[in-house]
Amino acid sequence: MWQYDSLRVEYPKTADNIFSTLITAKYPAKTESKLVNEYQSAALGLMDESAKKPYEDFLKDRLAIRTMIDNDCETLNIPMDL
């Protein structure tokens, strides 16, 4: 059985809009905010250092997604922005 993820991206069709739509679908604003708050709490010594890792993982995933989208858009001649 095949499984895949799909996402509808509204106009304008640009790399920035595709990235924004994908990040919002994968990481809702509340999730990102929670990760940032926990990271900052750990940086201030209010939480254990291990609380930084989920946000660092999020940032790495975000960069990987951005690179993938930029490469795909370049291949398909989709503009980066308007």
PDB file of N, CA and C in Angstrom:
ATOM      1  N   MET A   1       0.837  -1.176   0.000  1.00  0.00           N
ATOM      2  CA  MET A   1       0.000   0.000   0.000  1.00  0.00           C
ATOM      3  C   MET A   1       0.887   1.248   0.000  1.00  0.00           C
ATOM      4  N   TRP A   2       0.550   2.211  -0.825  1.00  0.00           N
ATOM      5  CA  TRP A   2       1.309   3.455  -0.924  1.00  0.00           C
ATOM      6  C   TRP A   2       0.789   4.470   0.076  1.00  0.00           C
ATOM      7  N   GLN A   3       1.703   5.182   0.676  1.00  0.00           N
ATOM      8  CA  GLN A   3       1.333   6.287   1.549  1.00  0.00           C
ATOM      9  C   GLN A   3       2.129   7.512   1.119  1.00  0.00           C
ATOM     10  N   TYR A   4       1.489   8.642   1.163  1.00  0.00           N
ATOM     11  CA  TYR A   4       2.180   9.871   0.813  1.00  0.00           C
ATOM     12  C   TYR A   4       1.523  11.038   1.534  1.00  0.00           C
ATOM     13  N   ASP A   5       2.253  12.110   1.627  1.00  0.00           N
ATOM     14  CA  ASP A   5       1.726  13.343   2.190  1.00  0.00           C
ATOM     15  C   ASP A   5       1.476  14.304   1.043  1.00  0.00           C
ATOM     16  N   SER A   6       0.427  15.066   1.165  1.00  0.00           N
ATOM     17  CA  SER A   6       0.177  16.093   0.162  1.00  0.00           C
ATOM     18  C   SER A   6      -0.281  17.360   0.868  1.00  0.00           C
ATOM     19  N   LEU A   7      -0.138  18.456   0.179  1.00  0.00           N
ATOM     20  CA  LEU A   7      -0.452  19.746   0.764  1.00  0.00           C
ATOM     21  C   LEU A   7      -0.901  20.677  -0.347  1.00  0.00           C
ATOM     22  N   ARG A   8      -1.973  21.400  -0.095  1.00  0.00           N
ATOM     23  CA  ARG A   8      -2.455  22.370  -1.079  1.00  0.00           C
ATOM     24  C   ARG A   8      -1.856  23.735  -0.751  1.00  0.00           C
ATOM     25  N   VAL A   9      -1.212  24.316  -1.730  1.00  0.00           N
ATOM     26  CA  VAL A   9      -0.605  25.632  -1.563  1.00  0.00           C
ATOM     27  C   VAL A   9      -1.407  26.626  -2.394  1.00  0.00           C
ATOM     28  N   GLU A  10      -1.886  27.662  -1.738  1.00  0.00           N
ATOM     29  CA  GLU A  10      -2.674  28.688  -2.419  1.00  0.00           C
ATOM     30  C   GLU A  10      -1.763  29.661  -3.169  1.00  0.00           C
ATOM     31  N   TYR A  11      -2.370  30.477  -4.007  1.00  0.00           N
ATOM     32  CA  TYR A  11      -1.663  31.501  -4.768  1.00  0.00           C
ATOM     33  C   TYR A  11      -0.997  32.475  -3.818  1.00  0.00           C
ATOM     34  N   PRO A  12       0.146  32.986  -4.078  1.00  0.00           N
ATOM     35  CA  PRO A  12       0.980  32.799  -5.260  1.00  0.00           C
ATOM     36  C   PRO A  12       1.859  31.553  -5.129  1.00  0.00           C
ATOM     37  N   LYS A  13       2.151  30.949  -6.249  1.00  0.00           N
ATOM     38  CA  LYS A  13       3.002  29.759  -6.256  1.00  0.00           C
ATOM     39  C   LYS A  13       4.459  30.208  -6.288  1.00  0.00           C
ATOM     40  N   THR A  14       5.015  30.336  -5.080  1.00  0.00           N
ATOM     41  CA  THR A  14       6.419  30.722  -4.930  1.00  0.00           C
ATOM     42  C   THR A  14       7.056  29.808  -3.892  1.00  0.00           C
ATOM     43  N   ALA A  15       8.366  29.766  -3.885  1.00  0.00           N
ATOM     44  CA  ALA A  15       9.074  28.951  -2.894  1.00  0.00           C
ATOM     45  C   ALA A  15       8.749  29.418  -1.481  1.00  0.00           C
ATOM     46  N   ASP A  16       8.680  30.732  -1.282  1.00  0.00           N
ATOM     47  CA  ASP A  16       8.371  31.256   0.050  1.00  0.00           C
ATOM     48  C   ASP A  16       6.987  30.824   0.520  1.00  0.00           C
ATOM     49  N   ASN A  17       6.014  30.877  -0.372  1.00  0.00           N
ATOM     50  CA  ASN A  17       4.650  30.492  -0.003  1.00  0.00           C
ATOM     51  C   ASN A  17       4.545  28.985   0.234  1.00  0.00           C
ATOM     52  N   ILE A  18       5.215  28.203  -0.579  1.00  0.00           N
ATOM     53  CA  ILE A  18       5.227  26.749  -0.390  1.00  0.00           C
ATOM     54  C   ILE A  18       5.860  26.417   0.957  1.00  0.00           C
ATOM     55  N   PHE A  19       6.986  27.048   1.258  1.00  0.00           N
ATOM     56  CA  PHE A  19       7.680  26.816   2.527  1.00  0.00           C
ATOM     57  C   PHE A  19       6.794  27.199   3.711  1.00  0.00           C
ATOM     58  N   SER A  20       6.201  28.360   3.642  1.00  0.00           N
ATOM     59  CA  SER A  20       5.337  28.825   4.733  1.00  0.00           C
ATOM     60  C   SER A  20       4.163  27.879   4.963  1.00  0.00           C
ATOM     61  N   THR A  21       3.535  27.438   3.888  1.00  0.00           N
ATOM     62  CA  THR A  21       2.396  26.525   3.997  1.00  0.00           C
ATOM     63  C   THR A  21       2.827  25.191   4.594  1.00  0.00           C
ATOM     64  N   LEU A  22       3.954  24.665   4.143  1.00  0.00           N
ATOM     65  CA  LEU A  22       4.439  23.374   4.634  1.00  0.00           C
ATOM     66  C   LEU A  22       4.852  23.445   6.102  1.00  0.00           C
ATOM     67  N   ILE A  23       5.578  24.478   6.484  1.00  0.00           N
ATOM     68  CA  ILE A  23       6.009  24.619   7.882  1.00  0.00           C
ATOM     69  C   ILE A  23       4.800  24.762   8.800  1.00  0.00           C
ATOM     70  N   THR A  24       3.814  25.557   8.387  1.00  0.00           N
ATOM     71  CA  THR A  24       2.614  25.748   9.204  1.00  0.00           C
ATOM     72  C   THR A  24       1.838  24.446   9.352  1.00  0.00           C
ATOM     73  N   ALA A  25       1.802  23.638   8.304  1.00  0.00           N
ATOM     74  CA  ALA A  25       1.095  22.352   8.380  1.00  0.00           C
ATOM     75  C   ALA A  25       1.834  21.367   9.277  1.00  0.00           C
ATOM     76  N   LYS A  26       3.148  21.370   9.190  1.00  0.00           N
ATOM     77  CA  LYS A  26       3.938  20.411   9.963  1.00  0.00           C
ATOM     78  C   LYS A  26       4.138  20.858  11.404  1.00  0.00           C
ATOM     79  N   TYR A  27       4.305  22.150  11.605  1.00  0.00           N
ATOM     80  CA  TYR A  27       4.551  22.711  12.941  1.00  0.00           C
ATOM     81  C   TYR A  27       3.608  23.887  13.172  1.00  0.00           C
ATOM     82  N   PRO A  28       2.439  23.644  13.737  1.00  0.00           N
ATOM     83  CA  PRO A  28       1.531  24.759  14.033  1.00  0.00           C
ATOM     84  C   PRO A  28       2.227  25.802  14.918  1.00  0.00           C
ATOM     85  N   ALA A  29       1.759  27.036  14.861  1.00  0.00           N
ATOM     86  CA  ALA A  29       2.388  28.141  15.599  1.00  0.00           C
ATOM     87  C   ALA A  29       2.520  27.828  17.086  1.00  0.00           C
ATOM     88  N   LYS A  30       1.521  27.182  17.661  1.00  0.00           N
ATOM     89  CA  LYS A  30       1.589  26.841  19.089  1.00  0.00           C
ATOM     90  C   LYS A  30       2.760  25.904  19.374  1.00  0.00           C
ATOM     91  N   THR A  31       3.000  24.972  18.487  1.00  0.00           N
ATOM     92  CA  THR A  31       4.096  24.020  18.672  1.00  0.00           C
ATOM     93  C   THR A  31       5.436  24.740  18.627  1.00  0.00           C
ATOM     94  N   GLU A  32       5.608  25.582  17.617  1.00  0.00           N
ATOM     95  CA  GLU A  32       6.869  26.320  17.497  1.00  0.00           C
ATOM     96  C   GLU A  32       7.070  27.227  18.712  1.00  0.00           C
ATOM     97  N   SER A  33       6.023  27.898  19.139  1.00  0.00           N
ATOM     98  CA  SER A  33       6.109  28.782  20.304  1.00  0.00           C
ATOM     99  C   SER A  33       6.505  28.012  21.559  1.00  0.00           C
ATOM    100  N   LYS A  34       5.935  26.836  21.740  1.00  0.00           N
ATOM    101  CA  LYS A  34       6.259  25.990  22.895  1.00  0.00           C
ATOM    102  C   LYS A  34       7.738  25.594  22.866  1.00  0.00           C
ATOM    103  N   LEU A  35       8.220  25.190  21.695  1.00  0.00           N
ATOM    104  CA  LEU A  35       9.621  24.797  21.559  1.00  0.00           C
ATOM    105  C   LEU A  35      10.561  25.963  21.871  1.00  0.00           C
ATOM    106  N   VAL A  36      10.218  27.147  21.381  1.00  0.00           N
ATOM    107  CA  VAL A  36      11.044  28.331  21.641  1.00  0.00           C
ATOM    108  C   VAL A  36      11.056  28.653  23.133  1.00  0.00           C
ATOM    109  N   ASN A  37       9.885  28.622  23.765  1.00  0.00           N
ATOM    110  CA  ASN A  37       9.806  28.930  25.196  1.00  0.00           C
ATOM    111  C   ASN A  37      10.624  27.947  26.024  1.00  0.00           C
ATOM    112  N   GLU A  38      10.545  26.667  25.691  1.00  0.00           N
ATOM    113  CA  GLU A  38      11.305  25.666  26.436  1.00  0.00           C
ATOM    114  C   GLU A  38      12.810  25.843  26.207  1.00  0.00           C
ATOM    115  N   TYR A  39      13.186  26.173  24.981  1.00  0.00           N
ATOM    116  CA  TYR A  39      14.598  26.420  24.681  1.00  0.00           C
ATOM    117  C   TYR A  39      15.116  27.603  25.498  1.00  0.00           C
ATOM    118  N   GLN A  40      14.365  28.690  25.493  1.00  0.00           N
ATOM    119  CA  GLN A  40      14.786  29.880  26.236  1.00  0.00           C
ATOM    120  C   GLN A  40      14.825  29.616  27.737  1.00  0.00           C
ATOM    121  N   SER A  41      13.880  28.840  28.238  1.00  0.00           N
ATOM    122  CA  SER A  41      13.888  28.486  29.661  1.00  0.00           C
ATOM    123  C   SER A  41      15.139  27.689  30.012  1.00  0.00           C
ATOM    124  N   ALA A  42      15.532  26.782  29.129  1.00  0.00           N
ATOM    125  CA  ALA A  42      16.752  26.001  29.362  1.00  0.00           C
ATOM    126  C   ALA A  42      17.985  26.900  29.274  1.00  0.00           C
ATOM    127  N   ALA A  43      17.976  27.834  28.332  1.00  0.00           N
ATOM    128  CA  ALA A  43      19.109  28.755  28.186  1.00  0.00           C
ATOM    129  C   ALA A  43      19.279  29.629  29.430  1.00  0.00           C
ATOM    130  N   LEU A  44      18.169  29.934  30.092  1.00  0.00           N
ATOM    131  CA  LEU A  44      18.215  30.749  31.313  1.00  0.00           C
ATOM    132  C   LEU A  44      18.452  29.923  32.568  1.00  0.00           C
ATOM    133  N   GLY A  45      18.530  28.604  32.398  1.00  0.00           N
ATOM    134  CA  GLY A  45      18.770  27.727  33.537  1.00  0.00           C
ATOM    135  C   GLY A  45      17.521  27.359  34.314  1.00  0.00           C
ATOM    136  N   LEU A  46      16.354  27.691  33.771  1.00  0.00           N
ATOM    137  CA  LEU A  46      15.094  27.369  34.440  1.00  0.00           C
ATOM    138  C   LEU A  46      14.645  25.939  34.171  1.00  0.00           C
ATOM    139  N   MET A  47      15.146  25.365  33.102  1.00  0.00           N
ATOM    140  CA  MET A  47      14.849  23.978  32.741  1.00  0.00           C
ATOM    141  C   MET A  47      16.173  23.280  32.455  1.00  0.00           C
ATOM    142  N   ASP A  48      16.115  21.963  32.384  1.00  0.00           N
ATOM    143  CA  ASP A  48      17.289  21.158  32.072  1.00  0.00           C
ATOM    144  C   ASP A  48      17.784  21.473  30.654  1.00  0.00           C
ATOM    145  N   GLU A  49      19.084  21.342  30.439  1.00  0.00           N
ATOM    146  CA  GLU A  49      19.682  21.590  29.120  1.00  0.00           C
ATOM    147  C   GLU A  49      19.049  20.731  28.023  1.00  0.00           C
ATOM    148  N   SER A  50      18.540  19.569  28.386  1.00  0.00           N
ATOM    149  CA  SER A  50      17.936  18.673  27.391  1.00  0.00           C
ATOM    150  C   SER A  50      16.686  19.287  26.758  1.00  0.00           C
ATOM    151  N   ALA A  51      16.117  20.314  27.374  1.00  0.00           N
ATOM    152  CA  ALA A  51      14.935  20.980  26.816  1.00  0.00           C
ATOM    153  C   ALA A  51      15.273  21.768  25.552  1.00  0.00           C
ATOM    154  N   LYS A  52      16.553  21.981  25.286  1.00  0.00           N
ATOM    155  CA  LYS A  52      16.973  22.697  24.077  1.00  0.00           C
ATOM    156  C   LYS A  52      16.881  21.825  22.826  1.00  0.00           C
ATOM    157  N   LYS A  53      17.062  20.524  22.992  1.00  0.00           N
ATOM    158  CA  LYS A  53      17.171  19.619  21.842  1.00  0.00           C
ATOM    159  C   LYS A  53      15.957  19.645  20.907  1.00  0.00           C
ATOM    160  N   PRO A  54      14.711  19.598  21.412  1.00  0.00           N
ATOM    161  CA  PRO A  54      13.577  19.613  20.478  1.00  0.00           C
ATOM    162  C   PRO A  54      13.556  20.846  19.562  1.00  0.00           C
ATOM    163  N   TYR A  55      13.918  22.001  20.098  1.00  0.00           N
ATOM    164  CA  TYR A  55      13.938  23.209  19.268  1.00  0.00           C
ATOM    165  C   TYR A  55      15.092  23.161  18.269  1.00  0.00           C
ATOM    166  N   GLU A  56      16.233  22.665  18.690  1.00  0.00           N
ATOM    167  CA  GLU A  56      17.364  22.520  17.772  1.00  0.00           C
ATOM    168  C   GLU A  56      17.014  21.546  16.646  1.00  0.00           C
ATOM    169  N   ASP A  57      16.304  20.461  16.976  1.00  0.00           N
ATOM    170  CA  ASP A  57      15.857  19.507  15.957  1.00  0.00           C
ATOM    171  C   ASP A  57      14.874  20.167  14.995  1.00  0.00           C
ATOM    172  N   PHE A  58      13.977  20.993  15.537  1.00  0.00           N
ATOM    173  CA  PHE A  58      13.026  21.737  14.711  1.00  0.00           C
ATOM    174  C   PHE A  58      13.772  22.634  13.720  1.00  0.00           C
ATOM    175  N   LEU A  59      14.770  23.355  14.202  1.00  0.00           N
ATOM    176  CA  LEU A  59      15.530  24.248  13.324  1.00  0.00           C
ATOM    177  C   LEU A  59      16.255  23.480  12.221  1.00  0.00           C
ATOM    178  N   LYS A  60      16.817  22.321  12.562  1.00  0.00           N
ATOM    179  CA  LYS A  60      17.490  21.488  11.554  1.00  0.00           C
ATOM    180  C   LYS A  60      16.491  21.001  10.509  1.00  0.00           C
ATOM    181  N   ASP A  61      15.304  20.577  10.956  1.00  0.00           N
ATOM    182  CA  ASP A  61      14.271  20.115  10.033  1.00  0.00           C
ATOM    183  C   ASP A  61      13.803  21.264   9.145  1.00  0.00           C
ATOM    184  N   ARG A  62      13.652  22.429   9.734  1.00  0.00           N
ATOM    185  CA  ARG A  62      13.223  23.617   8.990  1.00  0.00           C
ATOM    186  C   ARG A  62      14.229  23.946   7.880  1.00  0.00           C
ATOM    187  N   LEU A  63      15.513  23.885   8.196  1.00  0.00           N
ATOM    188  CA  LEU A  63      16.545  24.145   7.186  1.00  0.00           C
ATOM    189  C   LEU A  63      16.534  23.090   6.085  1.00  0.00           C
ATOM    190  N   ALA A  64      16.336  21.835   6.460  1.00  0.00           N
ATOM    191  CA  ALA A  64      16.285  20.755   5.465  1.00  0.00           C
ATOM    192  C   ALA A  64      15.088  20.937   4.533  1.00  0.00           C
ATOM    193  N   ILE A  65      13.945  21.309   5.102  1.00  0.00           N
ATOM    194  CA  ILE A  65      12.745  21.540   4.293  1.00  0.00           C
ATOM    195  C   ILE A  65      12.971  22.717   3.352  1.00  0.00           C
ATOM    196  N   ARG A  66      13.564  23.784   3.859  1.00  0.00           N
ATOM    197  CA  ARG A  66      13.819  24.965   3.026  1.00  0.00           C
ATOM    198  C   ARG A  66      14.736  24.619   1.856  1.00  0.00           C
ATOM    199  N   THR A  67      15.776  23.857   2.115  1.00  0.00           N
ATOM    200  CA  THR A  67      16.706  23.446   1.064  1.00  0.00           C
ATOM    201  C   THR A  67      15.993  22.591   0.019  1.00  0.00           C
ATOM    202  N   MET A  68      15.178  21.642   0.475  1.00  0.00           N
ATOM    203  CA  MET A  68      14.432  20.776  -0.439  1.00  0.00           C
ATOM    204  C   MET A  68      13.508  21.602  -1.334  1.00  0.00           C
ATOM    205  N   ILE A  69      12.771  22.533  -0.740  1.00  0.00           N
ATOM    206  CA  ILE A  69      11.835  23.358  -1.505  1.00  0.00           C
ATOM    207  C   ILE A  69      12.586  24.247  -2.493  1.00  0.00           C
ATOM    208  N   ASP A  70      13.657  24.873  -2.053  1.00  0.00           N
ATOM    209  CA  ASP A  70      14.432  25.731  -2.957  1.00  0.00           C
ATOM    210  C   ASP A  70      14.973  24.941  -4.145  1.00  0.00           C
ATOM    211  N   ASN A  71      15.478  23.745  -3.893  1.00  0.00           N
ATOM    212  CA  ASN A  71      15.996  22.904  -4.980  1.00  0.00           C
ATOM    213  C   ASN A  71      14.884  22.495  -5.941  1.00  0.00           C
ATOM    214  N   ASP A  72      13.742  22.075  -5.393  1.00  0.00           N
ATOM    215  CA  ASP A  72      12.614  21.677  -6.238  1.00  0.00           C
ATOM    216  C   ASP A  72      12.109  22.852  -7.066  1.00  0.00           C
ATOM    217  N   CYS A  73      12.003  24.015  -6.449  1.00  0.00           N
ATOM    218  CA  CYS A  73      11.504  25.191  -7.163  1.00  0.00           C
ATOM    219  C   CYS A  73      12.471  25.628  -8.260  1.00  0.00           C
ATOM    220  N   GLU A  74      13.745  25.512  -7.992  1.00  0.00           N
ATOM    221  CA  GLU A  74      14.728  25.849  -9.025  1.00  0.00           C
ATOM    222  C   GLU A  74      14.594  24.891 -10.210  1.00  0.00           C
ATOM    223  N   THR A  75      14.442  23.599  -9.920  1.00  0.00           N
ATOM    224  CA  THR A  75      14.284  22.589 -10.971  1.00  0.00           C
ATOM    225  C   THR A  75      13.020  22.831 -11.794  1.00  0.00           C
ATOM    226  N   LEU A  76      11.943  23.244 -11.122  1.00  0.00           N
ATOM    227  CA  LEU A  76      10.645  23.416 -11.781  1.00  0.00           C
ATOM    228  C   LEU A  76      10.383  24.856 -12.221  1.00  0.00           C
ATOM    229  N   ASN A  77      11.395  25.710 -12.125  1.00  0.00           N
ATOM    230  CA  ASN A  77      11.269  27.123 -12.514  1.00  0.00           C
ATOM    231  C   ASN A  77      10.152  27.854 -11.776  1.00  0.00           C
ATOM    232  N   ILE A  78      10.023  27.577 -10.498  1.00  0.00           N
ATOM    233  CA  ILE A  78       9.068  28.283  -9.647  1.00  0.00           C
ATOM    234  C   ILE A  78       9.847  29.396  -8.952  1.00  0.00           C
ATOM    235  N   PRO A  79       9.352  30.629  -9.011  1.00  0.00           N
ATOM    236  CA  PRO A  79      10.104  31.737  -8.405  1.00  0.00           C
ATOM    237  C   PRO A  79      10.220  31.604  -6.887  1.00  0.00           C
ATOM    238  N   MET A  80      11.275  32.200  -6.342  1.00  0.00           N
ATOM    239  CA  MET A  80      11.476  32.174  -4.890  1.00  0.00           C
ATOM    240  C   MET A  80      10.449  33.057  -4.193  1.00  0.00           C
ATOM    241  N   ASP A  81      10.206  34.238  -4.741  1.00  0.00           N
ATOM    242  CA  ASP A  81       9.184  35.131  -4.203  1.00  0.00           C
ATOM    243  C   ASP A  81       8.673  36.011  -5.337  1.00  0.00           C
ATOM    244  N   LEU A  82       7.699  36.839  -5.024  1.00  0.00           N
ATOM    245  CA  LEU A  82       7.150  37.722  -6.068  1.00  0.00           C
ATOM    246  C   LEU A  82       7.936  38.998  -6.190  1.00  0.00           C
TER     247      LEU A  82
END
